[in-house]
Amino acid sequence: MKNQLTAVREKTGYTPSELATSVGVTTATIKAIENGHYDPSLFLAYDIAEALDACVTGLFPPVPRRVRLEELAARPWYVRLFCGMGD
């Protein structure tokens, strides 16, 4: 998921570890979200937005479902995960 988390976090002066502590996750989780390797749950997205005094859609802009599915299909793990289904 593309997001604005890094930009907003840096603007507010939080380090990844400070934000992680604030929302109750690991620093690795915050970095994975920032890098687009992990999609936060809705609850975590709200917690992050609240900690940064931002709105959820400002941090995680909505993406049309079709585009999201195309992005997922392009990832190697997704292809491997569903490869062979329906054969």
C-alpha atoms as a PDB file:
ATOM      1  CA  MET A   1       0.000   0.000   0.000  1.00  0.00           C
ATOM      2  CA  LYS A   2       1.410   3.356  -0.970  1.00  0.00           C
ATOM      3  CA  ASN A   3       1.264   5.796   1.891  1.00  0.00           C
ATOM      4  CA  GLN A   4       2.427   9.135   3.203  1.00  0.00           C
ATOM      5  CA  LEU A   5       3.496   7.780   6.579  1.00  0.00           C
ATOM      6  CA  THR A   6       7.202   8.597   6.294  1.00  0.00           C
ATOM      7  CA  ALA A   7       6.572  12.182   5.200  1.00  0.00           C
ATOM      8  CA  VAL A   8       3.984  12.855   7.896  1.00  0.00           C
ATOM      9  CA  ARG A   9       6.026  11.108  10.598  1.00  0.00           C
ATOM     10  CA  GLU A  10       9.135  13.134   9.746  1.00  0.00           C
ATOM     11  CA  LYS A  11       7.101  16.345   9.589  1.00  0.00           C
ATOM     12  CA  THR A  12       5.772  15.747  13.099  1.00  0.00           C
ATOM     13  CA  GLY A  13       9.245  14.897  14.412  1.00  0.00           C
ATOM     14  CA  TYR A  14       8.629  11.281  15.358  1.00  0.00           C
ATOM     15  CA  THR A  15      11.273   8.616  14.832  1.00  0.00           C
ATOM     16  CA  PRO A  16      10.051   5.174  13.725  1.00  0.00           C
ATOM     17  CA  SER A  17      10.751   3.781  17.192  1.00  0.00           C
ATOM     18  CA  GLU A  18       8.876   6.607  18.949  1.00  0.00           C
ATOM     19  CA  LEU A  19       5.852   6.113  16.710  1.00  0.00           C
ATOM     20  CA  ALA A  20       6.011   2.357  17.211  1.00  0.00           C
ATOM     21  CA  THR A  21       6.037   2.757  20.982  1.00  0.00           C
ATOM     22  CA  SER A  22       3.188   5.264  20.786  1.00  0.00           C
ATOM     23  CA  VAL A  23       0.897   2.862  18.904  1.00  0.00           C
ATOM     24  CA  GLY A  24       2.056  -0.382  20.534  1.00  0.00           C
ATOM     25  CA  VAL A  25       3.884  -2.115  17.665  1.00  0.00           C
ATOM     26  CA  THR A  26       7.514  -2.816  16.818  1.00  0.00           C
ATOM     27  CA  THR A  27       9.788  -0.468  14.924  1.00  0.00           C
ATOM     28  CA  ALA A  28      10.026  -3.134  12.226  1.00  0.00           C
ATOM     29  CA  THR A  29       6.250  -2.904  11.749  1.00  0.00           C
ATOM     30  CA  ILE A  30       6.388   0.864  11.224  1.00  0.00           C
ATOM     31  CA  LYS A  31       9.267   0.516   8.759  1.00  0.00           C
ATOM     32  CA  ALA A  32       7.430  -2.263   6.890  1.00  0.00           C
ATOM     33  CA  ILE A  33       4.336  -0.053   6.591  1.00  0.00           C
ATOM     34  CA  GLU A  34       6.444   2.875   5.379  1.00  0.00           C
ATOM     35  CA  ASN A  35       8.145   0.679   2.774  1.00  0.00           C
ATOM     36  CA  GLY A  36       4.834  -0.726   1.557  1.00  0.00           C
ATOM     37  CA  HIS A  37       5.664  -4.273   2.652  1.00  0.00           C
ATOM     38  CA  TYR A  38       2.887  -4.451   5.252  1.00  0.00           C
ATOM     39  CA  ASP A  39      -0.659  -3.134   5.184  1.00  0.00           C
ATOM     40  CA  PRO A  40      -1.827  -2.032   8.623  1.00  0.00           C
ATOM     41  CA  SER A  41      -5.148  -3.152  10.029  1.00  0.00           C
ATOM     42  CA  LEU A  42      -7.820  -0.502  10.150  1.00  0.00           C
ATOM     43  CA  PHE A  43      -7.351  -0.236  13.907  1.00  0.00           C
ATOM     44  CA  LEU A  44      -3.600   0.288  13.557  1.00  0.00           C
ATOM     45  CA  ALA A  45      -4.120   2.835  10.775  1.00  0.00           C
ATOM     46  CA  TYR A  46      -6.433   4.819  13.063  1.00  0.00           C
ATOM     47  CA  ASP A  47      -3.962   4.589  15.949  1.00  0.00           C
ATOM     48  CA  ILE A  48      -1.132   5.843  13.742  1.00  0.00           C
ATOM     49  CA  ALA A  49      -3.280   8.674  12.390  1.00  0.00           C
ATOM     50  CA  GLU A  50      -4.267   9.694  15.913  1.00  0.00           C
ATOM     51  CA  ALA A  51      -0.649   9.623  17.122  1.00  0.00           C
ATOM     52  CA  LEU A  52       0.420  11.827  14.203  1.00  0.00           C
ATOM     53  CA  ASP A  53      -2.656  14.084  14.431  1.00  0.00           C
ATOM     54  CA  ALA A  54      -3.520  13.227  10.825  1.00  0.00           C
ATOM     55  CA  CYS A  55      -6.462  11.682   9.027  1.00  0.00           C
ATOM     56  CA  VAL A  56      -6.346   8.058   7.918  1.00  0.00           C
ATOM     57  CA  THR A  57      -7.022   8.898   4.269  1.00  0.00           C
ATOM     58  CA  GLY A  58      -4.222  11.458   4.382  1.00  0.00           C
ATOM     59  CA  LEU A  59      -1.761   8.804   5.520  1.00  0.00           C
ATOM     60  CA  PHE A  60      -3.161   5.958   3.439  1.00  0.00           C
ATOM     61  CA  PRO A  61      -4.842   7.387   0.316  1.00  0.00           C
ATOM     62  CA  PRO A  62      -7.664   5.193  -1.007  1.00  0.00           C
ATOM     63  CA  VAL A  63      -6.853   3.123  -4.090  1.00  0.00           C
ATOM     64  CA  PRO A  64      -9.529   1.699  -6.399  1.00  0.00           C
ATOM     65  CA  ARG A  65     -10.021  -2.041  -5.865  1.00  0.00           C
ATOM     66  CA  ARG A  66      -9.024  -2.900  -9.440  1.00  0.00           C
ATOM     67  CA  VAL A  67      -5.701  -1.085  -9.089  1.00  0.00           C
ATOM     68  CA  ARG A  68      -5.057  -2.737  -5.726  1.00  0.00           C
ATOM     69  CA  LEU A  69      -5.690  -6.213  -7.147  1.00  0.00           C
ATOM     70  CA  GLU A  70      -3.355  -5.498 -10.058  1.00  0.00           C
ATOM     71  CA  GLU A  71      -0.623  -4.435  -7.612  1.00  0.00           C
ATOM     72  CA  LEU A  72      -1.104  -7.580  -5.553  1.00  0.00           C
ATOM     73  CA  ALA A  73      -1.049  -9.789  -8.636  1.00  0.00           C
ATOM     74  CA  ALA A  74       2.295  -8.272  -9.658  1.00  0.00           C
ATOM     75  CA  ARG A  75       3.962  -9.395  -6.420  1.00  0.00           C
ATOM     76  CA  PRO A  76       5.827 -12.692  -6.663  1.00  0.00           C
ATOM     77  CA  TRP A  77       4.488 -14.058  -3.353  1.00  0.00           C
ATOM     78  CA  TYR A  78       0.931 -13.467  -4.489  1.00  0.00           C
ATOM     79  CA  VAL A  79       1.456 -15.293  -7.745  1.00  0.00           C
ATOM     80  CA  ARG A  80       3.105 -18.225  -5.960  1.00  0.00           C
ATOM     81  CA  LEU A  81       0.427 -18.291  -3.278  1.00  0.00           C
ATOM     82  CA  PHE A  82      -2.425 -18.675  -5.742  1.00  0.00           C
ATOM     83  CA  CYS A  83      -0.590 -20.482  -8.522  1.00  0.00           C
ATOM     84  CA  GLY A  84      -2.247 -23.769  -9.352  1.00  0.00           C
ATOM     85  CA  MET A  85      -5.661 -22.903  -7.942  1.00  0.00           C
ATOM     86  CA  GLY A  86      -8.372 -24.123 -10.241  1.00  0.00           C
ATOM     87  CA  ASP A  87      -6.046 -26.429 -12.196  1.00  0.00           C
END
